[in-house]
């Protein structure tokens, strides 16, 4: 599927790291290094502007290596870029480690995943169909 993109950064367009990867690695387009203190967060620009087709979104997800090795994640993961948004794609990074992390220009900071979605229509009801789970919430299905 083709998605129109404007790239106002000096970075290459996001790329798939492997042939079967679901996410494209996106890079930071900050002019100056961004220091993420422990438990800190920052909005990191990418220099990318997208025209996403109707019925789709682009999800912004953490990079597993950055999360596992450095404790850096996408704060609102997955973030959603809606089809009608035309502003710059930015990534909210959070530092969950005990050490400072410096986001350098050109660093791979997140993944972008194109995802199809449906729109729902509400149907007001007085009751819902029974299910085996019922109203069991957080942790109700066990820990095994």
C-alpha atoms as a PDB file:
ATOM      1  CA  UNK A   1       0.000   0.000   0.000  1.00  0.00           C
ATOM      2  CA  UNK A   2       1.331   3.427  -0.893  1.00  0.00           C
ATOM      3  CA  UNK A   3       1.270   6.226   1.685  1.00  0.00           C
ATOM      4  CA  UNK A   4       2.205   9.767   0.664  1.00  0.00           C
ATOM      5  CA  UNK A   5       5.036  11.181   2.773  1.00  0.00           C
ATOM      6  CA  UNK A   6       6.896  14.467   3.050  1.00  0.00           C
ATOM      7  CA  UNK A   7      10.352  14.093   4.569  1.00  0.00           C
ATOM      8  CA  UNK A   8      11.643  17.370   6.018  1.00  0.00           C
ATOM      9  CA  UNK A   9      14.535  15.670   7.790  1.00  0.00           C
ATOM     10  CA  UNK A  10      17.968  14.684   6.552  1.00  0.00           C
ATOM     11  CA  UNK A  11      17.206  11.068   7.495  1.00  0.00           C
ATOM     12  CA  UNK A  12      16.238   8.365   5.003  1.00  0.00           C
ATOM     13  CA  UNK A  13      12.579   7.356   4.909  1.00  0.00           C
ATOM     14  CA  UNK A  14      11.589   4.757   7.535  1.00  0.00           C
ATOM     15  CA  UNK A  15      12.578   1.263   6.432  1.00  0.00           C
ATOM     16  CA  UNK A  16      11.759  -2.325   7.310  1.00  0.00           C
ATOM     17  CA  UNK A  17      14.825  -3.887   8.975  1.00  0.00           C
ATOM     18  CA  UNK A  18      14.028  -7.342   7.561  1.00  0.00           C
ATOM     19  CA  UNK A  19      11.921  -8.753   4.737  1.00  0.00           C
ATOM     20  CA  UNK A  20       9.070  -9.886   7.014  1.00  0.00           C
ATOM     21  CA  UNK A  21       9.177  -7.082   9.601  1.00  0.00           C
ATOM     22  CA  UNK A  22       5.801  -5.506  10.435  1.00  0.00           C
ATOM     23  CA  UNK A  23       7.200  -2.155  11.550  1.00  0.00           C
ATOM     24  CA  UNK A  24       9.331   0.451   9.809  1.00  0.00           C
ATOM     25  CA  UNK A  25      12.135   1.932  11.894  1.00  0.00           C
ATOM     26  CA  UNK A  26      11.683   5.711  12.235  1.00  0.00           C
ATOM     27  CA  UNK A  27      14.532   8.057  13.142  1.00  0.00           C
ATOM     28  CA  UNK A  28      14.844  11.140  15.329  1.00  0.00           C
ATOM     29  CA  UNK A  29      15.065  14.492  13.507  1.00  0.00           C
ATOM     30  CA  UNK A  30      16.085  16.677  16.440  1.00  0.00           C
ATOM     31  CA  UNK A  31      18.517  19.547  15.790  1.00  0.00           C
ATOM     32  CA  UNK A  32      20.206  19.177  19.194  1.00  0.00           C
ATOM     33  CA  UNK A  33      20.664  16.049  21.348  1.00  0.00           C
ATOM     34  CA  UNK A  34      17.696  15.405  23.649  1.00  0.00           C
ATOM     35  CA  UNK A  35      18.634  14.233  27.150  1.00  0.00           C
ATOM     36  CA  UNK A  36      16.071  11.919  28.708  1.00  0.00           C
ATOM     37  CA  UNK A  37      16.633  11.814  32.450  1.00  0.00           C
ATOM     38  CA  UNK A  38      15.547   8.725  34.419  1.00  0.00           C
ATOM     39  CA  UNK A  39      11.728   8.588  34.376  1.00  0.00           C
ATOM     40  CA  UNK A  40      11.742  11.566  32.014  1.00  0.00           C
ATOM     41  CA  UNK A  41       9.930  11.949  28.737  1.00  0.00           C
ATOM     42  CA  UNK A  42      10.242  14.033  25.589  1.00  0.00           C
ATOM     43  CA  UNK A  43       8.441  14.585  22.315  1.00  0.00           C
ATOM     44  CA  UNK A  44      10.932  13.734  19.579  1.00  0.00           C
ATOM     45  CA  UNK A  45      10.368  15.047  16.030  1.00  0.00           C
ATOM     46  CA  UNK A  46      10.801  12.818  12.976  1.00  0.00           C
ATOM     47  CA  UNK A  47      10.476  15.367  10.167  1.00  0.00           C
ATOM     48  CA  UNK A  48       7.822  13.158   8.550  1.00  0.00           C
ATOM     49  CA  UNK A  49       4.333  14.198   7.419  1.00  0.00           C
ATOM     50  CA  UNK A  50       1.932  11.503   6.209  1.00  0.00           C
ATOM     51  CA  UNK A  51      -1.237  11.210   4.161  1.00  0.00           C
ATOM     52  CA  UNK A  52      -2.706   7.957   5.444  1.00  0.00           C
ATOM     53  CA  UNK A  53      -5.567   6.389   3.455  1.00  0.00           C
ATOM     54  CA  UNK A  54      -9.067   6.380   4.987  1.00  0.00           C
ATOM     55  CA  UNK A  55      -9.738   3.210   6.987  1.00  0.00           C
ATOM     56  CA  UNK A  56      -6.111   3.018   8.175  1.00  0.00           C
ATOM     57  CA  UNK A  57      -3.960   4.374  10.986  1.00  0.00           C
ATOM     58  CA  UNK A  58      -0.230   4.344  11.553  1.00  0.00           C
ATOM     59  CA  UNK A  59       0.673   2.991  14.972  1.00  0.00           C
ATOM     60  CA  UNK A  60       3.812   4.231  16.742  1.00  0.00           C
ATOM     61  CA  UNK A  61       5.393   1.421  18.743  1.00  0.00           C
ATOM     62  CA  UNK A  62       8.545   0.981  20.822  1.00  0.00           C
ATOM     63  CA  UNK A  63      11.643  -0.660  19.387  1.00  0.00           C
ATOM     64  CA  UNK A  64      12.208  -3.835  21.381  1.00  0.00           C
ATOM     65  CA  UNK A  65      16.009  -3.523  21.431  1.00  0.00           C
ATOM     66  CA  UNK A  66      15.902   0.053  22.733  1.00  0.00           C
ATOM     67  CA  UNK A  67      13.401  -0.995  25.405  1.00  0.00           C
ATOM     68  CA  UNK A  68      15.303  -4.117  26.500  1.00  0.00           C
ATOM     69  CA  UNK A  69      18.819  -2.665  26.389  1.00  0.00           C
ATOM     70  CA  UNK A  70      18.229   0.942  27.473  1.00  0.00           C
ATOM     71  CA  UNK A  71      14.773   1.089  29.109  1.00  0.00           C
ATOM     72  CA  UNK A  72      13.481   3.513  26.447  1.00  0.00           C
ATOM     73  CA  UNK A  73       9.877   3.115  25.324  1.00  0.00           C
ATOM     74  CA  UNK A  74       7.064   4.944  23.566  1.00  0.00           C
ATOM     75  CA  UNK A  75       4.971   6.397  26.363  1.00  0.00           C
ATOM     76  CA  UNK A  76       1.522   6.085  24.783  1.00  0.00           C
ATOM     77  CA  UNK A  77       2.234   2.840  22.947  1.00  0.00           C
ATOM     78  CA  UNK A  78       0.836   2.216  20.585  1.00  0.00           C
ATOM     79  CA  UNK A  79       0.392   5.819  19.574  1.00  0.00           C
ATOM     80  CA  UNK A  80      -2.088   6.437  16.773  1.00  0.00           C
ATOM     81  CA  UNK A  81      -1.628   8.684  13.775  1.00  0.00           C
ATOM     82  CA  UNK A  82      -5.088   9.229  12.290  1.00  0.00           C
ATOM     83  CA  UNK A  83      -5.772   9.404   8.559  1.00  0.00           C
ATOM     84  CA  UNK A  84      -6.863  13.052   8.799  1.00  0.00           C
ATOM     85  CA  UNK A  85      -3.746  14.264  10.687  1.00  0.00           C
ATOM     86  CA  UNK A  86      -1.323  16.238   8.524  1.00  0.00           C
ATOM     87  CA  UNK A  87       1.140  17.530  11.122  1.00  0.00           C
ATOM     88  CA  UNK A  88       4.612  16.254  11.843  1.00  0.00           C
ATOM     89  CA  UNK A  89       4.882  12.728  13.194  1.00  0.00           C
ATOM     90  CA  UNK A  90       6.456  12.967  16.650  1.00  0.00           C
ATOM     91  CA  UNK A  91       7.260  10.213  19.131  1.00  0.00           C
ATOM     92  CA  UNK A  92       6.745  10.485  22.897  1.00  0.00           C
ATOM     93  CA  UNK A  93       9.759   8.688  24.343  1.00  0.00           C
ATOM     94  CA  UNK A  94      10.039   7.775  28.026  1.00  0.00           C
ATOM     95  CA  UNK A  95      13.122   6.684  29.938  1.00  0.00           C
ATOM     96  CA  UNK A  96      12.209   3.912  32.368  1.00  0.00           C
ATOM     97  CA  UNK A  97      15.837   3.254  33.313  1.00  0.00           C
ATOM     98  CA  UNK A  98      17.932   4.697  36.112  1.00  0.00           C
ATOM     99  CA  UNK A  99      20.405   6.318  33.704  1.00  0.00           C
ATOM    100  CA  UNK A 100      20.237   9.300  31.373  1.00  0.00           C
ATOM    101  CA  UNK A 101      19.701   8.504  27.707  1.00  0.00           C
ATOM    102  CA  UNK A 102      20.671  10.873  24.907  1.00  0.00           C
ATOM    103  CA  UNK A 103      18.567  10.857  21.746  1.00  0.00           C
ATOM    104  CA  UNK A 104      20.901  11.760  18.889  1.00  0.00           C
ATOM    105  CA  UNK A 105      19.770  13.000  15.485  1.00  0.00           C
ATOM    106  CA  UNK A 106      19.238  10.051  13.138  1.00  0.00           C
ATOM    107  CA  UNK A 107      18.814   7.487  15.917  1.00  0.00           C
ATOM    108  CA  UNK A 108      16.160   4.811  15.357  1.00  0.00           C
ATOM    109  CA  UNK A 109      13.615   5.615  18.071  1.00  0.00           C
ATOM    110  CA  UNK A 110      10.386   3.756  17.255  1.00  0.00           C
ATOM    111  CA  UNK A 111       8.516   1.630  14.736  1.00  0.00           C
ATOM    112  CA  UNK A 112       5.632   2.643  12.498  1.00  0.00           C
ATOM    113  CA  UNK A 113       2.993   0.027  11.663  1.00  0.00           C
ATOM    114  CA  UNK A 114       0.200   0.575   9.135  1.00  0.00           C
ATOM    115  CA  UNK A 115      -3.029  -0.926  10.483  1.00  0.00           C
ATOM    116  CA  UNK A 116      -6.528  -1.209   9.060  1.00  0.00           C
ATOM    117  CA  UNK A 117      -9.368  -0.267  11.393  1.00  0.00           C
ATOM    118  CA  UNK A 118     -13.157  -0.202  11.424  1.00  0.00           C
ATOM    119  CA  UNK A 119     -15.499   2.489  12.694  1.00  0.00           C
ATOM    120  CA  UNK A 120     -18.191   1.448  15.113  1.00  0.00           C
ATOM    121  CA  UNK A 121     -21.742   2.579  15.602  1.00  0.00           C
ATOM    122  CA  UNK A 122     -23.197   2.479  19.103  1.00  0.00           C
ATOM    123  CA  UNK A 123     -26.326   0.420  19.686  1.00  0.00           C
ATOM    124  CA  UNK A 124     -27.899   1.371  23.011  1.00  0.00           C
ATOM    125  CA  UNK A 125     -29.042  -1.660  24.997  1.00  0.00           C
ATOM    126  CA  UNK A 126     -30.511  -2.484  28.392  1.00  0.00           C
ATOM    127  CA  UNK A 127     -28.536  -5.719  28.717  1.00  0.00           C
ATOM    128  CA  UNK A 128     -25.661  -7.631  27.139  1.00  0.00           C
ATOM    129  CA  UNK A 129     -25.385 -11.307  26.173  1.00  0.00           C
ATOM    130  CA  UNK A 130     -24.013 -13.577  28.899  1.00  0.00           C
ATOM    131  CA  UNK A 131     -20.452 -14.880  28.550  1.00  0.00           C
ATOM    132  CA  UNK A 132     -18.330 -17.373  30.472  1.00  0.00           C
ATOM    133  CA  UNK A 133     -16.142 -14.532  31.759  1.00  0.00           C
ATOM    134  CA  UNK A 134     -18.978 -12.230  32.765  1.00  0.00           C
ATOM    135  CA  UNK A 135     -17.781  -9.125  34.591  1.00  0.00           C
ATOM    136  CA  UNK A 136     -14.401 -10.608  35.552  1.00  0.00           C
ATOM    137  CA  UNK A 137     -11.830  -7.861  35.039  1.00  0.00           C
ATOM    138  CA  UNK A 138      -8.148  -7.392  35.649  1.00  0.00           C
ATOM    139  CA  UNK A 139      -6.496 -10.717  36.489  1.00  0.00           C
ATOM    140  CA  UNK A 140      -9.788 -12.618  36.510  1.00  0.00           C
ATOM    141  CA  UNK A 141      -8.639 -15.198  33.956  1.00  0.00           C
ATOM    142  CA  UNK A 142      -5.785 -16.395  36.175  1.00  0.00           C
ATOM    143  CA  UNK A 143      -2.021 -16.041  36.142  1.00  0.00           C
ATOM    144  CA  UNK A 144      -1.035 -19.365  34.542  1.00  0.00           C
END
